[in-house]
Amino acid sequence: MSVSPNYNILMYSHDTYGLGHIRRSMAIANHLRDANTNVLIITGSPIAGRFPFPEQVDFVRIPGMIKKTNEDYQSLSMRIGQEHALSIRTNIILATAQELKPDLFIVDKEPHGLKREVLPTLEWLKENSPQTTSVLGLRDILDESTVIQKDWQEKGVYQSLDNLYDEIWVYGEQSIYDPTVHYSFPVPARQKTTFTGYIPRKTLSPRIRNKVRNQYRILDDDIFVLVTTGGGGDGCEVVEQYLAMHEYYPTSLPIKSVIITGPFMPKRKRERLKKRAKLHGIKTLPFHPRLEELMKGADLVISMGGYNTICEILTQETPALIIPRETPRREQLIRAICLKERGLLDYISWTDVTPQLLREKIFTMIRERDKYVDTIRSFELTGLDVMLQQLQNLKSNKHTPAPVALAAGHP
């Protein structure tokens, strides 16, 4: 049976102060869209427009919010209070869903959205749009078990997992970290959970590696290290540690580097780091729209280890040294520990970083680069393929005629 040409997917990505959510949403949208499938992304990212949007994918921009703590958010650009900004966002999300009446609604990471802003939409869809399948998409790790369990219990999330969501997709491997266990999912929620595997990004040809290295005048024998802090809002210290290593060893580091500070790093900090980096011949950029190309060209990536960055690194098969953030969430540290156990990367805890240890780790990983590359190549990133199969199943179920009920007394 032919599929209707207007299967509509609505995605919600709250995007407070980073790049991970919008990058993940874009990767998913790009893979799920086709000639018969539209994808509309609701996002608070202030730089969503910098990314190229493919055909049949578009976005609705809601006012941006900055995360100050786990509970405190402020308007990014407008001089209005938190409640006013949240009210605008909530109404836009609901109105978009009411107008589109999507076949599939995917909520990224936060079961209720930022400050419960998606809850009215979930409730409206459940009541008024029975054809909509609501899916909660969770990254592999959110935070420590006790923190998430307490948070979800207080906010009534467990009831929503049972009553408002039809499916839960975990963008990770159950054998590496199982949130259904760590976060104590109720039995009904466990039964509707699918582990998709990690989400790959665009695979690049070996020619890109040569192109990038030529662009930055990096010879075949040079060691090229890429330092990236994602959005950069909290990445200043990682860059400072890397520069401190160069200052401690001013003449004995045969390394060529590029640093991506991130578009959300405060300008004053960014300029200060740029001046320090220039003394060592290190190029700094606030943002690069094709970061995966730099990763492909690098011999080693140093990052904080957010979910999105890890997926990009693994896709490009580049060894990575992680310096994970440990506040306000310990998600990055937990991920680094889990993936190190699989031999996919190495890490240094935030409190242990020194110029000496950083240098030692870098050169050890460069010496063992082939071992890391072989391990990464044997690690399958199945996320997009599994999600596409889930989508095909949903489309098939939508167009399968319901069985005709027989009247009483008929055989």
Protein backbone atom coordinates (compact mmCIF):
# COMPACT_ATOMS: atom_id res chain seq x y z
CA MET A 1 0.00 0.00 0.00
CA SER A 2 1.42 3.43 -0.93
CA VAL A 3 2.44 5.83 1.79
CA SER A 4 0.69 9.17 2.08
CA PRO A 5 2.84 12.01 0.71
CA ASN A 6 2.30 14.12 3.81
CA TYR A 7 3.74 12.21 6.76
CA ASN A 8 4.71 15.00 9.14
CA ILE A 9 7.26 14.81 11.95
CA LEU A 10 7.49 17.50 14.61
CA MET A 11 10.65 17.63 16.72
CA TYR A 12 11.18 19.62 19.92
CA SER A 13 14.71 20.67 20.87
CA HIS A 14 14.85 23.09 23.79
CA ASP A 15 18.48 24.17 23.09
CA THR A 16 19.54 26.37 25.94
CA TYR A 17 23.28 26.97 25.87
CA GLY A 18 25.03 24.64 23.49
CA LEU A 19 25.11 23.03 20.08
CA GLY A 20 24.41 19.41 20.97
CA HIS A 21 20.63 19.42 20.83
CA ILE A 22 20.26 21.18 17.48
CA ARG A 23 23.07 19.12 15.91
CA ARG A 24 21.44 15.89 17.10
CA SER A 25 18.02 17.02 15.89
CA MET A 26 19.45 17.99 12.50
CA ALA A 27 21.15 14.60 12.10
CA ILE A 28 17.92 12.77 12.92
CA ALA A 29 15.78 15.00 10.70
CA ASN A 30 18.12 14.64 7.76
CA HIS A 31 17.94 10.85 7.98
CA LEU A 32 14.19 10.51 8.54
CA ARG A 33 13.07 12.95 5.85
CA ASP A 34 12.26 11.73 2.35
CA ALA A 35 10.01 12.67 -0.54
CA ASN A 36 6.97 11.69 1.55
CA THR A 37 8.18 12.93 4.94
CA ASN A 38 8.41 16.48 6.26
CA VAL A 39 10.31 17.36 9.43
CA LEU A 40 9.70 20.56 11.38
CA ILE A 41 12.06 21.31 14.28
CA ILE A 42 11.03 23.57 17.15
CA THR A 43 14.24 24.98 18.58
CA GLY A 44 15.49 27.66 20.92
CA SER A 45 18.96 27.67 19.37
CA PRO A 46 20.07 31.18 18.43
CA ILE A 47 22.31 29.79 15.67
CA ALA A 48 19.91 27.32 14.07
CA GLY A 49 19.94 29.44 10.93
CA ARG A 50 23.69 28.93 10.47
CA PHE A 51 23.19 25.29 9.58
CA PRO A 52 22.19 24.24 6.07
CA PHE A 53 18.67 22.78 6.12
CA PRO A 54 17.95 20.10 3.52
CA GLU A 55 14.71 19.87 1.54
CA GLN A 56 11.64 18.91 3.56
CA VAL A 57 13.25 20.05 6.81
CA ASP A 58 12.53 23.43 8.40
CA PHE A 59 12.49 24.98 11.85
CA VAL A 60 10.37 27.16 14.09
CA ARG A 61 12.41 29.42 16.34
CA ILE A 62 11.21 29.97 19.88
CA PRO A 63 12.81 32.61 22.15
CA GLY A 64 16.19 31.40 23.42
CA MET A 65 16.92 30.71 27.08
CA ILE A 66 20.26 30.57 28.93
CA LYS A 67 20.80 27.90 31.57
CA LYS A 68 22.29 29.38 34.74
CA THR A 69 21.73 26.35 36.99
CA ASN A 70 19.71 23.14 36.68
CA GLU A 71 16.61 25.11 37.68
CA ASP A 72 17.36 28.71 36.70
CA TYR A 73 16.95 29.86 33.09
CA GLN A 74 16.97 33.37 31.69
CA SER A 75 15.88 34.85 28.39
CA LEU A 76 18.80 34.87 25.95
CA SER A 77 18.12 38.06 24.00
CA MET A 78 14.92 39.75 25.15
CA ARG A 79 14.70 41.69 28.38
CA ILE A 80 11.75 39.81 29.78
CA GLY A 81 11.31 37.60 32.82
CA GLN A 82 11.66 33.83 32.82
CA GLU A 83 7.92 33.20 33.19
CA HIS A 84 7.05 35.56 30.33
CA ALA A 85 9.62 33.94 28.02
CA LEU A 86 8.44 30.45 28.95
CA SER A 87 4.82 31.42 28.32
CA ILE A 88 5.70 32.59 24.79
CA ARG A 89 7.65 29.39 24.10
CA THR A 90 4.87 27.17 25.48
CA ASN A 91 2.22 28.85 23.34
CA ILE A 92 4.31 28.63 20.15
CA ILE A 93 4.99 24.93 20.72
CA LEU A 94 1.32 24.16 21.34
CA ALA A 95 0.06 26.27 18.42
CA THR A 96 2.54 24.61 16.05
CA ALA A 97 1.43 21.14 17.10
CA GLN A 98 -2.26 22.05 16.85
CA GLU A 99 -1.80 23.39 13.33
CA LEU A 100 0.45 20.60 12.06
CA LYS A 101 -1.21 17.67 13.88
CA PRO A 102 1.97 15.64 13.33
CA ASP A 103 2.05 11.93 12.69
CA LEU A 104 5.15 11.73 14.90
CA PHE A 105 6.22 14.06 17.73
CA ILE A 106 9.78 13.58 19.01
CA VAL A 107 10.75 15.32 22.25
CA ASP A 108 14.49 15.63 22.85
CA LYS A 109 15.90 14.76 26.29
CA GLU A 110 13.51 16.59 28.63
CA PRO A 111 10.31 14.54 29.11
CA HIS A 112 8.29 17.65 29.98
CA GLY A 113 10.42 20.10 28.02
CA LEU A 114 12.15 23.09 29.57
CA LYS A 115 10.23 24.01 32.72
CA ARG A 116 7.26 21.83 31.64
CA GLU A 117 6.73 23.84 28.44
CA VAL A 118 5.96 20.74 26.33
CA LEU A 119 3.48 19.20 28.78
CA PRO A 120 0.42 21.09 27.43
CA THR A 121 1.31 19.93 23.89
CA LEU A 122 1.73 16.29 24.94
CA GLU A 123 -1.61 16.39 26.76
CA TRP A 124 -3.36 18.07 23.82
CA LEU A 125 -2.01 15.54 21.32
CA LYS A 126 -3.05 12.61 23.50
CA GLU A 127 -6.56 14.01 23.77
CA ASN A 128 -7.11 15.52 20.33
CA SER A 129 -4.72 13.91 17.85
CA PRO A 130 -4.95 10.12 18.20
CA GLN A 131 -2.96 9.60 14.99
CA THR A 132 0.12 11.21 16.58
CA THR A 133 2.80 8.94 18.01
CA SER A 134 4.67 10.74 20.80
CA VAL A 135 8.30 9.67 21.30
CA LEU A 136 10.77 10.66 23.99
CA GLY A 137 14.32 10.66 22.62
CA LEU A 138 16.94 10.29 25.35
CA ARG A 139 20.69 10.55 24.95
CA ASP A 140 22.64 7.68 26.48
CA ILE A 141 23.29 9.36 29.86
CA LEU A 142 21.50 12.25 31.57
CA ASP A 143 23.17 12.43 35.00
CA GLU A 144 23.85 10.34 38.07
CA SER A 145 21.13 7.82 38.87
CA THR A 146 20.10 9.34 42.19
CA VAL A 147 19.84 12.83 40.70
CA ILE A 148 17.56 11.78 37.84
CA GLN A 149 15.39 9.51 39.99
CA LYS A 150 14.81 12.31 42.52
CA ASP A 151 14.16 14.89 39.79
CA TRP A 152 11.72 12.68 37.87
CA GLN A 153 9.90 11.64 41.03
CA GLU A 154 9.37 15.25 42.13
CA LYS A 155 8.23 16.37 38.65
CA GLY A 156 5.88 13.47 37.93
CA VAL A 157 7.93 12.32 34.94
CA TYR A 158 7.38 8.62 35.61
CA GLN A 159 3.62 9.05 35.14
CA SER A 160 4.23 10.88 31.87
CA LEU A 161 6.47 8.09 30.58
CA ASP A 162 3.56 5.72 31.11
CA ASN A 163 0.67 7.93 30.02
CA LEU A 164 1.85 10.53 27.50
CA TYR A 165 4.55 8.74 25.50
CA ASP A 166 3.96 5.89 23.08
CA GLU A 167 7.64 5.05 22.61
CA ILE A 168 11.01 5.90 24.19
CA TRP A 169 14.14 5.90 22.04
CA VAL A 170 17.49 5.79 23.85
CA TYR A 171 20.31 7.02 21.62
CA GLY A 172 22.86 4.65 23.10
CA GLU A 173 23.79 1.02 23.70
CA GLN A 174 22.16 -0.89 26.53
CA SER A 175 25.39 -2.77 27.23
CA ILE A 176 27.29 0.49 27.85
CA TYR A 177 24.73 2.31 30.00
CA ASP A 178 21.14 1.31 30.64
CA PRO A 179 18.97 4.26 31.77
CA THR A 180 15.93 1.99 32.16
CA VAL A 181 17.82 0.41 35.07
CA HIS A 182 19.83 3.39 36.37
CA TYR A 183 16.80 5.69 36.31
CA SER A 184 14.32 3.02 37.51
CA PHE A 185 11.88 3.09 34.58
CA PRO A 186 8.46 1.65 35.44
CA VAL A 187 7.74 -1.66 33.72
CA PRO A 188 5.39 -0.14 31.08
CA ALA A 189 8.07 2.43 30.17
CA ARG A 190 10.73 -0.28 29.85
CA GLN A 191 8.49 -2.23 27.52
CA LYS A 192 8.13 0.73 25.15
CA THR A 193 11.88 1.54 25.14
CA THR A 194 14.12 0.92 22.12
CA PHE A 195 17.91 1.29 22.27
CA THR A 196 18.87 2.72 18.91
CA GLY A 197 22.63 2.80 19.40
CA TYR A 198 24.72 5.95 19.03
CA ILE A 199 23.84 8.42 16.28
CA PRO A 200 26.43 8.68 13.49
CA ARG A 201 27.15 11.82 11.54
CA LYS A 202 28.08 12.26 7.92
CA THR A 203 30.90 9.93 6.89
CA LEU A 204 33.67 11.80 5.10
CA SER A 205 36.09 10.48 2.51
CA PRO A 206 39.85 10.26 3.21
CA ARG A 207 40.28 13.13 0.74
CA ILE A 208 38.75 15.49 3.30
CA ARG A 209 41.56 14.65 5.73
CA ASN A 210 44.15 15.72 3.17
CA LYS A 211 42.16 18.81 2.23
CA VAL A 212 41.92 20.01 5.85
CA ARG A 213 45.58 19.37 6.58
CA ASN A 214 46.62 21.23 3.43
CA GLN A 215 44.34 24.13 4.35
CA TYR A 216 46.04 24.54 7.73
CA ARG A 217 49.54 23.73 6.37
CA ILE A 218 49.86 20.51 8.36
CA LEU A 219 52.36 18.05 6.91
CA ASP A 220 51.90 14.27 6.88
CA ASP A 221 54.39 13.85 9.72
CA ASP A 222 52.92 16.65 11.85
CA ILE A 223 50.75 15.90 14.88
CA PHE A 224 47.45 17.75 14.43
CA VAL A 225 45.38 18.25 17.58
CA LEU A 226 41.88 19.74 17.42
CA VAL A 227 40.50 21.28 20.62
CA THR A 228 36.75 21.86 20.67
CA THR A 229 34.43 22.83 23.52
CA GLY A 230 31.06 22.48 21.80
CA GLY A 231 29.03 25.63 22.36
CA GLY A 232 31.84 27.03 24.49
CA GLY A 233 29.68 28.50 27.23
CA ASP A 234 31.55 26.48 29.85
CA GLY A 235 34.61 25.39 27.90
CA CYS A 236 37.05 28.16 28.72
CA GLU A 237 38.98 26.12 31.30
CA VAL A 238 39.64 23.26 28.86
CA VAL A 239 41.24 25.69 26.41
CA GLU A 240 43.18 27.33 29.23
CA GLN A 241 44.57 23.95 30.30
CA TYR A 242 45.69 23.22 26.74
CA LEU A 243 47.40 26.60 26.44
CA ALA A 244 48.98 26.18 29.87
CA MET A 245 50.61 22.98 28.59
CA HIS A 246 52.15 24.92 25.69
CA GLU A 247 53.38 27.59 28.08
CA TYR A 248 54.91 24.95 30.37
CA TYR A 249 56.65 23.27 27.40
CA PRO A 250 57.30 26.25 25.10
CA THR A 251 59.88 24.55 22.87
CA SER A 252 59.23 20.81 23.10
CA LEU A 253 55.72 20.29 21.71
CA PRO A 254 55.82 19.22 18.04
CA ILE A 255 52.10 19.79 17.73
CA LYS A 256 50.01 21.87 15.36
CA SER A 257 46.65 22.86 16.77
CA VAL A 258 43.32 24.43 15.94
CA ILE A 259 41.02 25.52 18.77
CA ILE A 260 37.27 25.99 18.30
CA THR A 261 36.23 28.07 21.29
CA GLY A 262 32.49 27.84 20.58
CA PRO A 263 30.03 30.61 19.63
CA PHE A 264 28.68 30.96 23.18
CA MET A 265 32.01 31.63 24.89
CA PRO A 266 31.97 35.25 26.16
CA LYS A 267 33.79 37.50 23.71
CA ARG A 268 36.22 38.84 26.32
CA LYS A 269 37.37 35.32 27.23
CA ARG A 270 37.55 34.33 23.58
CA GLU A 271 39.76 37.28 22.70
CA ARG A 272 42.04 36.64 25.68
CA LEU A 273 42.50 33.00 24.69
CA LYS A 274 43.09 33.97 21.07
CA LYS A 275 46.03 36.21 22.09
CA ARG A 276 47.59 33.47 24.23
CA ALA A 277 47.14 30.90 21.46
CA LYS A 278 48.72 33.14 18.83
CA LEU A 279 51.98 33.18 20.80
CA HIS A 280 52.27 29.45 20.10
CA GLY A 281 51.13 29.59 16.49
CA ILE A 282 47.74 28.13 17.36
CA LYS A 283 44.73 29.19 15.28
CA THR A 284 41.45 29.83 17.11
CA LEU A 285 37.96 30.05 15.64
CA PRO A 286 34.69 30.79 17.46
CA PHE A 287 32.64 28.44 15.26
CA HIS A 288 33.04 26.06 12.35
CA PRO A 289 29.92 24.87 10.46
CA ARG A 290 31.70 21.71 9.30
CA LEU A 291 33.43 20.67 12.48
CA GLU A 292 33.40 17.05 11.37
CA GLU A 293 35.88 17.94 8.61
CA LEU A 294 38.37 19.24 11.17
CA MET A 295 37.86 16.06 13.19
CA LYS A 296 38.58 13.97 10.11
CA GLY A 297 41.83 15.84 9.55
CA ALA A 298 42.99 15.64 13.17
CA ASP A 299 45.21 12.98 14.74
CA LEU A 300 43.60 13.62 18.13
CA VAL A 301 40.58 15.54 19.37
CA ILE A 302 40.46 17.07 22.84
CA SER A 303 36.95 17.90 24.03
CA MET A 304 34.62 17.88 27.02
CA GLY A 305 32.81 14.81 25.74
CA GLY A 306 29.21 15.89 25.23
CA TYR A 307 27.02 13.32 23.49
CA ASN A 308 26.99 15.06 20.14
CA THR A 309 30.75 15.64 20.03
CA ILE A 310 31.42 12.00 20.92
CA CYS A 311 29.18 10.81 18.07
CA GLU A 312 30.98 13.09 15.61
CA ILE A 313 34.41 11.91 16.81
CA LEU A 314 33.45 8.23 16.55
CA THR A 315 32.00 8.75 13.07
CA GLN A 316 35.28 10.25 11.84
CA GLU A 317 37.27 7.47 13.57
CA THR A 318 39.54 9.93 15.38
CA PRO A 319 41.02 9.14 18.83
CA ALA A 320 39.80 11.48 21.54
CA LEU A 321 41.04 12.69 24.90
CA ILE A 322 38.13 13.88 27.03
CA ILE A 323 38.26 16.44 29.85
CA PRO A 324 34.65 16.09 31.05
CA ARG A 325 32.65 18.72 32.86
CA GLU A 326 31.49 17.49 36.27
CA THR A 327 29.02 20.27 37.19
CA PRO A 328 26.13 20.96 37.15
CA ARG A 329 25.70 17.44 35.71
CA ARG A 330 28.12 14.50 35.77
CA GLU A 331 26.84 13.10 32.48
CA GLN A 332 30.09 13.80 30.58
CA LEU A 333 32.25 12.12 33.22
CA ILE A 334 30.03 9.02 33.35
CA ARG A 335 30.08 8.76 29.54
CA ALA A 336 33.87 9.12 29.45
CA ILE A 337 34.29 6.36 32.04
CA CYS A 338 31.91 4.01 30.19
CA LEU A 339 33.48 4.57 26.76
CA LYS A 340 37.03 4.29 28.10
CA GLU A 341 36.10 0.83 29.42
CA ARG A 342 35.34 -0.11 25.79
CA GLY A 343 38.69 1.26 24.62
CA LEU A 344 37.06 3.97 22.51
CA LEU A 345 38.76 6.98 24.13
CA ASP A 346 40.70 8.19 27.17
CA TYR A 347 39.95 10.92 29.66
CA ILE A 348 41.39 13.07 32.44
CA SER A 349 39.09 14.09 35.25
CA TRP A 350 38.55 17.83 35.66
CA THR A 351 40.44 18.04 38.96
CA ASP A 352 43.46 16.04 37.77
CA VAL A 353 44.49 18.07 34.72
CA THR A 354 48.06 19.38 34.74
CA PRO A 355 50.36 20.39 31.87
CA GLN A 356 52.50 17.32 32.57
CA LEU A 357 49.62 14.83 32.59
CA LEU A 358 48.00 16.41 29.54
CA ARG A 359 51.25 16.14 27.57
CA GLU A 360 51.76 12.54 28.68
CA LYS A 361 48.22 11.52 27.66
CA ILE A 362 48.47 13.24 24.26
CA PHE A 363 51.71 11.53 23.26
CA THR A 364 50.62 8.15 24.62
CA MET A 365 47.44 8.32 22.54
CA ILE A 366 49.36 9.42 19.44
CA ARG A 367 51.71 6.44 19.83
CA GLU A 368 48.71 4.12 20.23
CA ARG A 369 46.59 5.83 17.58
CA ASP A 370 46.19 2.74 15.40
CA LYS A 371 44.82 0.76 18.34
CA TYR A 372 42.16 3.39 19.05
CA VAL A 373 41.23 3.67 15.37
CA ASP A 374 40.80 -0.11 15.07
CA THR A 375 38.58 -0.21 18.16
CA ILE A 376 36.44 2.68 16.92
CA ARG A 377 36.03 1.07 13.48
CA SER A 378 34.67 -2.10 15.10
CA PHE A 379 32.08 -0.08 17.07
CA GLU A 380 28.83 0.23 15.11
CA LEU A 381 26.87 3.47 15.21
CA THR A 382 23.37 2.18 14.51
CA GLY A 383 21.24 5.06 15.79
CA LEU A 384 19.90 6.46 12.53
CA ASP A 385 19.24 3.10 10.89
CA VAL A 386 17.28 1.83 13.90
CA MET A 387 15.25 5.05 14.06
CA LEU A 388 14.49 4.80 10.35
CA GLN A 389 13.25 1.25 10.87
CA GLN A 390 11.07 2.43 13.76
CA LEU A 391 9.65 5.11 11.48
CA GLN A 392 8.92 2.59 8.73
CA ASN A 393 7.09 0.44 11.28
CA LEU A 394 5.00 3.41 12.37
CA LYS A 395 4.15 4.29 8.77
CA SER A 396 3.20 0.69 8.02
CA ASN A 397 0.95 0.51 11.07
CA LYS A 398 -0.70 3.79 10.11
CA HIS A 399 -1.67 2.46 6.69
CA THR A 400 -2.70 -1.03 7.76
CA PRO A 401 -6.50 -1.21 7.85
CA ALA A 402 -7.89 -1.95 11.28
CA PRO A 403 -9.58 -5.35 11.59
CA VAL A 404 -13.34 -5.24 11.03
CA ALA A 405 -15.24 -6.10 14.18
CA LEU A 406 -17.82 -8.83 13.71
CA ALA A 407 -21.27 -8.44 15.11
CA ALA A 408 -22.27 -10.71 17.96
CA GLY A 409 -23.38 -14.13 16.79
CA HIS A 410 -21.26 -14.14 13.61
CA PRO A 411 -18.59 -16.82 13.25
